[in-house]
Amino acid sequence: MRVDKWLSAVNVVKRRTIATDMLKSGVVQINGIKAKASKDVKIGDKVTIAYLKGAKHYEVLQIPTTKTIPKSQKEDYVKEL
């Protein structure tokens, strides 16, 4: 699954357009490497988002099969490190 779709599907960001803008700005890294929107996310990848107030680190636990998941199931798909 593309990283921009994954960020919005697992409710890390609200909309896919926001995820795409973050990727274009270069604030999203996958396993320590700056990512483009088309980069595929795999189980076990470490995703880092550099916000102004500090970075947040996430680990991919599962890849969703639907466009979005319920917020109550977020911890099944992503773990904040």
PDB file of N, CA and C in Angstrom:
ATOM      1  N   MET A   1       0.844  -1.177   0.000  1.00  0.00           N
ATOM      2  CA  MET A   1       0.000   0.000   0.000  1.00  0.00           C
ATOM      3  C   MET A   1       0.889   1.239   0.000  1.00  0.00           C
ATOM      4  N   ARG A   2       0.507   2.228  -0.766  1.00  0.00           N
ATOM      5  CA  ARG A   2       1.248   3.490  -0.817  1.00  0.00           C
ATOM      6  C   ARG A   2       1.258   4.155   0.550  1.00  0.00           C
ATOM      7  N   VAL A   3       2.339   4.854   0.861  1.00  0.00           N
ATOM      8  CA  VAL A   3       2.481   5.457   2.183  1.00  0.00           C
ATOM      9  C   VAL A   3       1.444   6.557   2.410  1.00  0.00           C
ATOM     10  N   ASP A   4       1.088   7.323   1.382  1.00  0.00           N
ATOM     11  CA  ASP A   4       0.079   8.364   1.591  1.00  0.00           C
ATOM     12  C   ASP A   4      -1.287   7.760   1.883  1.00  0.00           C
ATOM     13  N   LYS A   5      -1.632   6.664   1.222  1.00  0.00           N
ATOM     14  CA  LYS A   5      -2.892   5.971   1.510  1.00  0.00           C
ATOM     15  C   LYS A   5      -2.862   5.357   2.908  1.00  0.00           C
ATOM     16  N   TRP A   6      -1.728   4.783   3.274  1.00  0.00           N
ATOM     17  CA  TRP A   6      -1.607   4.141   4.586  1.00  0.00           C
ATOM     18  C   TRP A   6      -1.755   5.156   5.713  1.00  0.00           C
ATOM     19  N   LEU A   7      -1.117   6.320   5.592  1.00  0.00           N
ATOM     20  CA  LEU A   7      -1.204   7.349   6.636  1.00  0.00           C
ATOM     21  C   LEU A   7      -2.647   7.788   6.871  1.00  0.00           C
ATOM     22  N   SER A   8      -3.420   7.926   5.804  1.00  0.00           N
ATOM     23  CA  SER A   8      -4.815   8.343   5.984  1.00  0.00           C
ATOM     24  C   SER A   8      -5.713   7.169   6.380  1.00  0.00           C
ATOM     25  N   ALA A   9      -5.417   5.964   5.897  1.00  0.00           N
ATOM     26  CA  ALA A   9      -6.270   4.808   6.202  1.00  0.00           C
ATOM     27  C   ALA A   9      -6.205   4.418   7.671  1.00  0.00           C
ATOM     28  N   VAL A  10      -5.029   4.545   8.293  1.00  0.00           N
ATOM     29  CA  VAL A  10      -4.888   4.144   9.697  1.00  0.00           C
ATOM     30  C   VAL A  10      -5.047   5.328  10.648  1.00  0.00           C
ATOM     31  N   ASN A  11      -5.552   6.440  10.128  1.00  0.00           N
ATOM     32  CA  ASN A  11      -5.887   7.621  10.931  1.00  0.00           C
ATOM     33  C   ASN A  11      -4.687   8.287  11.594  1.00  0.00           C
ATOM     34  N   VAL A  12      -3.524   8.256  10.950  1.00  0.00           N
ATOM     35  CA  VAL A  12      -2.380   9.020  11.442  1.00  0.00           C
ATOM     36  C   VAL A  12      -2.567  10.480  11.043  1.00  0.00           C
ATOM     37  N   VAL A  13      -3.052  10.724   9.827  1.00  0.00           N
ATOM     38  CA  VAL A  13      -3.439  12.061   9.379  1.00  0.00           C
ATOM     39  C   VAL A  13      -4.900  12.001   8.938  1.00  0.00           C
ATOM     40  N   LYS A  14      -5.549  13.168   8.893  1.00  0.00           N
ATOM     41  CA  LYS A  14      -6.987  13.185   8.625  1.00  0.00           C
ATOM     42  C   LYS A  14      -7.342  12.901   7.173  1.00  0.00           C
ATOM     43  N   ARG A  15      -6.561  13.485   6.247  1.00  0.00           N
ATOM     44  CA  ARG A  15      -6.887  13.328   4.830  1.00  0.00           C
ATOM     45  C   ARG A  15      -5.653  12.936   4.036  1.00  0.00           C
ATOM     46  N   ARG A  16      -5.890  12.276   2.913  1.00  0.00           N
ATOM     47  CA  ARG A  16      -4.784  11.833   2.062  1.00  0.00           C
ATOM     48  C   ARG A  16      -4.049  13.020   1.459  1.00  0.00           C
ATOM     49  N   THR A  17      -4.752  14.116   1.178  1.00  0.00           N
ATOM     50  CA  THR A  17      -4.080  15.289   0.620  1.00  0.00           C
ATOM     51  C   THR A  17      -3.070  15.865   1.607  1.00  0.00           C
ATOM     52  N   ILE A  18      -3.394  15.806   2.896  1.00  0.00           N
ATOM     53  CA  ILE A  18      -2.454  16.264   3.916  1.00  0.00           C
ATOM     54  C   ILE A  18      -1.233  15.352   3.928  1.00  0.00           C
ATOM     55  N   ALA A  19      -1.452  14.062   3.831  1.00  0.00           N
ATOM     56  CA  ALA A  19      -0.343  13.106   3.797  1.00  0.00           C
ATOM     57  C   ALA A  19       0.540  13.355   2.581  1.00  0.00           C
ATOM     58  N   THR A  20      -0.057  13.618   1.433  1.00  0.00           N
ATOM     59  CA  THR A  20       0.708  13.887   0.220  1.00  0.00           C
ATOM     60  C   THR A  20       1.531  15.151   0.366  1.00  0.00           C
ATOM     61  N   ASP A  21       0.948  16.204   0.952  1.00  0.00           N
ATOM     62  CA  ASP A  21       1.687  17.446   1.177  1.00  0.00           C
ATOM     63  C   ASP A  21       2.859  17.225   2.137  1.00  0.00           C
ATOM     64  N   MET A  22       2.655  16.420   3.169  1.00  0.00           N
ATOM     65  CA  MET A  22       3.730  16.127   4.118  1.00  0.00           C
ATOM     66  C   MET A  22       4.868  15.382   3.423  1.00  0.00           C
ATOM     67  N   LEU A  23       4.524  14.464   2.544  1.00  0.00           N
ATOM     68  CA  LEU A  23       5.542  13.707   1.814  1.00  0.00           C
ATOM     69  C   LEU A  23       6.306  14.606   0.843  1.00  0.00           C
ATOM     70  N   LYS A  24       5.611  15.535   0.184  1.00  0.00           N
ATOM     71  CA  LYS A  24       6.276  16.470  -0.726  1.00  0.00           C
ATOM     72  C   LYS A  24       7.215  17.397   0.033  1.00  0.00           C
ATOM     73  N   SER A  25       6.861  17.745   1.272  1.00  0.00           N
ATOM     74  CA  SER A  25       7.685  18.627   2.096  1.00  0.00           C
ATOM     75  C   SER A  25       8.914  17.911   2.642  1.00  0.00           C
ATOM     76  N   GLY A  26       8.914  16.595   2.601  1.00  0.00           N
ATOM     77  CA  GLY A  26      10.064  15.835   3.066  1.00  0.00           C
ATOM     78  C   GLY A  26      10.096  15.586   4.556  1.00  0.00           C
ATOM     79  N   VAL A  27       8.948  15.656   5.235  1.00  0.00           N
ATOM     80  CA  VAL A  27       8.929  15.447   6.691  1.00  0.00           C
ATOM     81  C   VAL A  27       8.628  14.000   7.076  1.00  0.00           C
ATOM     82  N   VAL A  28       8.345  13.151   6.087  1.00  0.00           N
ATOM     83  CA  VAL A  28       8.032  11.744   6.359  1.00  0.00           C
ATOM     84  C   VAL A  28       9.202  10.873   5.902  1.00  0.00           C
ATOM     85  N   GLN A  29       9.630   9.991   6.804  1.00  0.00           N
ATOM     86  CA  GLN A  29      10.698   9.055   6.485  1.00  0.00           C
ATOM     87  C   GLN A  29      10.220   7.635   6.747  1.00  0.00           C
ATOM     88  N   ILE A  30      10.679   6.712   5.915  1.00  0.00           N
ATOM     89  CA  ILE A  30      10.416   5.288   6.122  1.00  0.00           C
ATOM     90  C   ILE A  30      11.768   4.622   6.313  1.00  0.00           C
ATOM     91  N   ASN A  31      11.961   4.021   7.469  1.00  0.00           N
ATOM     92  CA  ASN A  31      13.223   3.368   7.824  1.00  0.00           C
ATOM     93  C   ASN A  31      14.415   4.314   7.662  1.00  0.00           C
ATOM     94  N   GLY A  32      14.222   5.595   8.024  1.00  0.00           N
ATOM     95  CA  GLY A  32      15.306   6.573   7.990  1.00  0.00           C
ATOM     96  C   GLY A  32      15.568   7.208   6.642  1.00  0.00           C
ATOM     97  N   ILE A  33      14.771   6.913   5.627  1.00  0.00           N
ATOM     98  CA  ILE A  33      14.955   7.468   4.282  1.00  0.00           C
ATOM     99  C   ILE A  33      13.726   8.289   3.918  1.00  0.00           C
ATOM    100  N   LYS A  34      13.950   9.516   3.396  1.00  0.00           N
ATOM    101  CA  LYS A  34      12.820  10.349   2.980  1.00  0.00           C
ATOM    102  C   LYS A  34      11.980   9.603   1.964  1.00  0.00           C
ATOM    103  N   ALA A  35      10.672   9.667   2.145  1.00  0.00           N
ATOM    104  CA  ALA A  35       9.762   8.889   1.314  1.00  0.00           C
ATOM    105  C   ALA A  35       9.001   9.779   0.346  1.00  0.00           C
ATOM    106  N   LYS A  36       8.670   9.214  -0.809  1.00  0.00           N
ATOM    107  CA  LYS A  36       7.758   9.848  -1.757  1.00  0.00           C
ATOM    108  C   LYS A  36       6.385   9.219  -1.558  1.00  0.00           C
ATOM    109  N   ALA A  37       5.349   9.884  -2.073  1.00  0.00           N
ATOM    110  CA  ALA A  37       3.974   9.417  -1.880  1.00  0.00           C
ATOM    111  C   ALA A  37       3.745   8.022  -2.457  1.00  0.00           C
ATOM    112  N   SER A  38       4.485   7.657  -3.487  1.00  0.00           N
ATOM    113  CA  SER A  38       4.272   6.369  -4.139  1.00  0.00           C
ATOM    114  C   SER A  38       5.023   5.216  -3.468  1.00  0.00           C
ATOM    115  N   LYS A  39       5.827   5.500  -2.454  1.00  0.00           N
ATOM    116  CA  LYS A  39       6.604   4.467  -1.764  1.00  0.00           C
ATOM    117  C   LYS A  39       5.653   3.492  -1.074  1.00  0.00           C
ATOM    118  N   ASP A  40       5.916   2.204  -1.232  1.00  0.00           N
ATOM    119  CA  ASP A  40       5.081   1.184  -0.603  1.00  0.00           C
ATOM    120  C   ASP A  40       5.500   0.965   0.844  1.00  0.00           C
ATOM    121  N   VAL A  41       4.509   0.761   1.699  1.00  0.00           N
ATOM    122  CA  VAL A  41       4.734   0.471   3.111  1.00  0.00           C
ATOM    123  C   VAL A  41       4.550  -1.026   3.309  1.00  0.00           C
ATOM    124  N   LYS A  42       5.442  -1.623   4.078  1.00  0.00           N
ATOM    125  CA  LYS A  42       5.363  -3.055   4.364  1.00  0.00           C
ATOM    126  C   LYS A  42       5.282  -3.263   5.870  1.00  0.00           C
ATOM    127  N   ILE A  43       4.819  -4.418   6.286  1.00  0.00           N
ATOM    128  CA  ILE A  43       4.725  -4.740   7.709  1.00  0.00           C
ATOM    129  C   ILE A  43       6.126  -4.716   8.300  1.00  0.00           C
ATOM    130  N   GLY A  44       6.260  -4.037   9.440  1.00  0.00           N
ATOM    131  CA  GLY A  44       7.551  -3.934  10.115  1.00  0.00           C
ATOM    132  C   GLY A  44       8.298  -2.651   9.821  1.00  0.00           C
ATOM    133  N   ASP A  45       7.852  -1.866   8.822  1.00  0.00           N
ATOM    134  CA  ASP A  45       8.519  -0.602   8.505  1.00  0.00           C
ATOM    135  C   ASP A  45       8.342   0.392   9.641  1.00  0.00           C
ATOM    136  N   LYS A  46       9.337   1.251   9.810  1.00  0.00           N
ATOM    137  CA  LYS A  46       9.289   2.328  10.801  1.00  0.00           C
ATOM    138  C   LYS A  46       9.054   3.635  10.050  1.00  0.00           C
ATOM    139  N   VAL A  47       7.962   4.312  10.372  1.00  0.00           N
ATOM    140  CA  VAL A  47       7.597   5.573   9.729  1.00  0.00           C
ATOM    141  C   VAL A  47       7.810   6.694  10.738  1.00  0.00           C
ATOM    142  N   THR A  48       8.551   7.728  10.342  1.00  0.00           N
ATOM    143  CA  THR A  48       8.825   8.869  11.192  1.00  0.00           C
ATOM    144  C   THR A  48       8.252  10.114  10.541  1.00  0.00           C
ATOM    145  N   ILE A  49       7.514  10.907  11.324  1.00  0.00           N
ATOM    146  CA  ILE A  49       6.966  12.172  10.848  1.00  0.00           C
ATOM    147  C   ILE A  49       7.559  13.273  11.707  1.00  0.00           C
ATOM    148  N   ALA A  50       8.237  14.222  11.077  1.00  0.00           N
ATOM    149  CA  ALA A  50       8.891  15.321  11.789  1.00  0.00           C
ATOM    150  C   ALA A  50       7.928  16.506  11.863  1.00  0.00           C
ATOM    151  N   TYR A  51       7.208  16.604  12.984  1.00  0.00           N
ATOM    152  CA  TYR A  51       6.336  17.755  13.225  1.00  0.00           C
ATOM    153  C   TYR A  51       7.170  18.903  13.782  1.00  0.00           C
ATOM    154  N   LEU A  52       6.591  20.102  13.846  1.00  0.00           N
ATOM    155  CA  LEU A  52       7.320  21.252  14.384  1.00  0.00           C
ATOM    156  C   LEU A  52       7.658  21.074  15.860  1.00  0.00           C
ATOM    157  N   LYS A  53       6.783  20.424  16.595  1.00  0.00           N
ATOM    158  CA  LYS A  53       7.001  20.239  18.039  1.00  0.00           C
ATOM    159  C   LYS A  53       7.802  18.990  18.356  1.00  0.00           C
ATOM    160  N   GLY A  54       8.241  18.261  17.356  1.00  0.00           N
ATOM    161  CA  GLY A  54       9.015  17.044  17.569  1.00  0.00           C
ATOM    162  C   GLY A  54       8.554  15.934  16.649  1.00  0.00           C
ATOM    163  N   ALA A  55       9.356  14.914  16.555  1.00  0.00           N
ATOM    164  CA  ALA A  55       9.059  13.808  15.649  1.00  0.00           C
ATOM    165  C   ALA A  55       8.207  12.751  16.338  1.00  0.00           C
ATOM    166  N   LYS A  56       7.371  12.091  15.547  1.00  0.00           N
ATOM    167  CA  LYS A  56       6.603  10.944  16.021  1.00  0.00           C
ATOM    168  C   LYS A  56       7.024   9.744  15.204  1.00  0.00           C
ATOM    169  N   HIS A  57       7.170   8.619  15.879  1.00  0.00           N
ATOM    170  CA  HIS A  57       7.628   7.395  15.240  1.00  0.00           C
ATOM    171  C   HIS A  57       6.520   6.348  15.320  1.00  0.00           C
ATOM    172  N   TYR A  58       6.303   5.656  14.212  1.00  0.00           N
ATOM    173  CA  TYR A  58       5.265   4.638  14.123  1.00  0.00           C
ATOM    174  C   TYR A  58       5.854   3.369  13.527  1.00  0.00           C
ATOM    175  N   GLU A  59       5.273   2.227  13.903  1.00  0.00           N
ATOM    176  CA  GLU A  59       5.637   0.951  13.306  1.00  0.00           C
ATOM    177  C   GLU A  59       4.406   0.377  12.635  1.00  0.00           C
ATOM    178  N   VAL A  60       4.582  -0.134  11.420  1.00  0.00           N
ATOM    179  CA  VAL A  60       3.485  -0.727  10.647  1.00  0.00           C
ATOM    180  C   VAL A  60       3.260  -2.148  11.162  1.00  0.00           C
ATOM    181  N   LEU A  61       2.060  -2.413  11.688  1.00  0.00           N
ATOM    182  CA  LEU A  61       1.729  -3.740  12.185  1.00  0.00           C
ATOM    183  C   LEU A  61       0.939  -4.553  11.166  1.00  0.00           C
ATOM    184  N   GLN A  62       0.025  -3.885  10.461  1.00  0.00           N
ATOM    185  CA  GLN A  62      -0.793  -4.540   9.438  1.00  0.00           C
ATOM    186  C   GLN A  62      -1.062  -3.541   8.319  1.00  0.00           C
ATOM    187  N   ILE A  63      -1.425  -4.066   7.173  1.00  0.00           N
ATOM    188  CA  ILE A  63      -1.833  -3.238   6.038  1.00  0.00           C
ATOM    189  C   ILE A  63      -3.346  -3.368   5.916  1.00  0.00           C
ATOM    190  N   PRO A  64      -4.087  -2.246   6.015  1.00  0.00           N
ATOM    191  CA  PRO A  64      -5.545  -2.352   5.900  1.00  0.00           C
ATOM    192  C   PRO A  64      -5.977  -2.733   4.486  1.00  0.00           C
ATOM    193  N   THR A  65      -7.067  -3.473   4.406  1.00  0.00           N
ATOM    194  CA  THR A  65      -7.603  -3.881   3.116  1.00  0.00           C
ATOM    195  C   THR A  65      -8.707  -2.942   2.636  1.00  0.00           C
ATOM    196  N   THR A  66      -9.183  -2.075   3.516  1.00  0.00           N
ATOM    197  CA  THR A  66     -10.230  -1.127   3.157  1.00  0.00           C
ATOM    198  C   THR A  66      -9.647   0.280   3.096  1.00  0.00           C
ATOM    199  N   LYS A  67     -10.454   1.227   2.612  1.00  0.00           N
ATOM    200  CA  LYS A  67      -9.986   2.603   2.454  1.00  0.00           C
ATOM    201  C   LYS A  67      -9.689   3.253   3.799  1.00  0.00           C
ATOM    202  N   THR A  68     -10.505   3.000   4.789  1.00  0.00           N
ATOM    203  CA  THR A  68     -10.268   3.510   6.141  1.00  0.00           C
ATOM    204  C   THR A  68     -10.629   2.428   7.148  1.00  0.00           C
ATOM    205  N   ILE A  69     -10.114   2.596   8.345  1.00  0.00           N
ATOM    206  CA  ILE A  69     -10.439   1.679   9.438  1.00  0.00           C
ATOM    207  C   ILE A  69     -11.088   2.488  10.551  1.00  0.00           C
ATOM    208  N   PRO A  70     -11.883   1.856  11.407  1.00  0.00           N
ATOM    209  CA  PRO A  70     -12.434   2.576  12.556  1.00  0.00           C
ATOM    210  C   PRO A  70     -11.308   3.015  13.490  1.00  0.00           C
ATOM    211  N   LYS A  71     -11.472   4.194  14.099  1.00  0.00           N
ATOM    212  CA  LYS A  71     -10.437   4.704  15.003  1.00  0.00           C
ATOM    213  C   LYS A  71     -10.184   3.765  16.172  1.00  0.00           C
ATOM    214  N   SER A  72     -11.181   2.980  16.552  1.00  0.00           N
ATOM    215  CA  SER A  72     -11.013   2.041  17.666  1.00  0.00           C
ATOM    216  C   SER A  72     -10.069   0.896  17.314  1.00  0.00           C
ATOM    217  N   GLN A  73      -9.836   0.647  16.020  1.00  0.00           N
ATOM    218  CA  GLN A  73      -8.953  -0.433  15.588  1.00  0.00           C
ATOM    219  C   GLN A  73      -7.567   0.060  15.189  1.00  0.00           C
ATOM    220  N   LYS A  74      -7.262   1.324  15.428  1.00  0.00           N
ATOM    221  CA  LYS A  74      -5.983   1.903  15.011  1.00  0.00           C
ATOM    222  C   LYS A  74      -4.793   1.143  15.584  1.00  0.00           C
ATOM    223  N   GLU A  75      -4.873   0.720  16.851  1.00  0.00           N
ATOM    224  CA  GLU A  75      -3.744   0.040  17.491  1.00  0.00           C
ATOM    225  C   GLU A  75      -3.466  -1.340  16.894  1.00  0.00           C
ATOM    226  N   ASP A  76      -4.404  -1.889  16.112  1.00  0.00           N
ATOM    227  CA  ASP A  76      -4.163  -3.160  15.419  1.00  0.00           C
ATOM    228  C   ASP A  76      -3.282  -2.984  14.190  1.00  0.00           C
ATOM    229  N   TYR A  77      -3.256  -1.768  13.632  1.00  0.00           N
ATOM    230  CA  TYR A  77      -2.559  -1.502  12.382  1.00  0.00           C
ATOM    231  C   TYR A  77      -1.261  -0.726  12.556  1.00  0.00           C
ATOM    232  N   VAL A  78      -1.189   0.099  13.599  1.00  0.00           N
ATOM    233  CA  VAL A  78      -0.026   0.963  13.791  1.00  0.00           C
ATOM    234  C   VAL A  78       0.304   1.055  15.279  1.00  0.00           C
ATOM    235  N   LYS A  79       1.606   1.057  15.586  1.00  0.00           N
ATOM    236  CA  LYS A  79       2.051   1.218  16.967  1.00  0.00           C
ATOM    237  C   LYS A  79       2.921   2.452  17.039  1.00  0.00           C
ATOM    238  N   GLU A  80       2.576   3.366  17.958  1.00  0.00           N
ATOM    239  CA  GLU A  80       3.392   4.557  18.148  1.00  0.00           C
ATOM    240  C   GLU A  80       4.556   4.218  19.060  1.00  0.00           C
ATOM    241  N   LEU A  81       5.754   4.517  18.606  1.00  0.00           N
ATOM    242  CA  LEU A  81       6.957   4.182  19.364  1.00  0.00           C
ATOM    243  C   LEU A  81       7.399   5.343  20.234  1.00  0.00           C
TER     244      LEU A  81
END
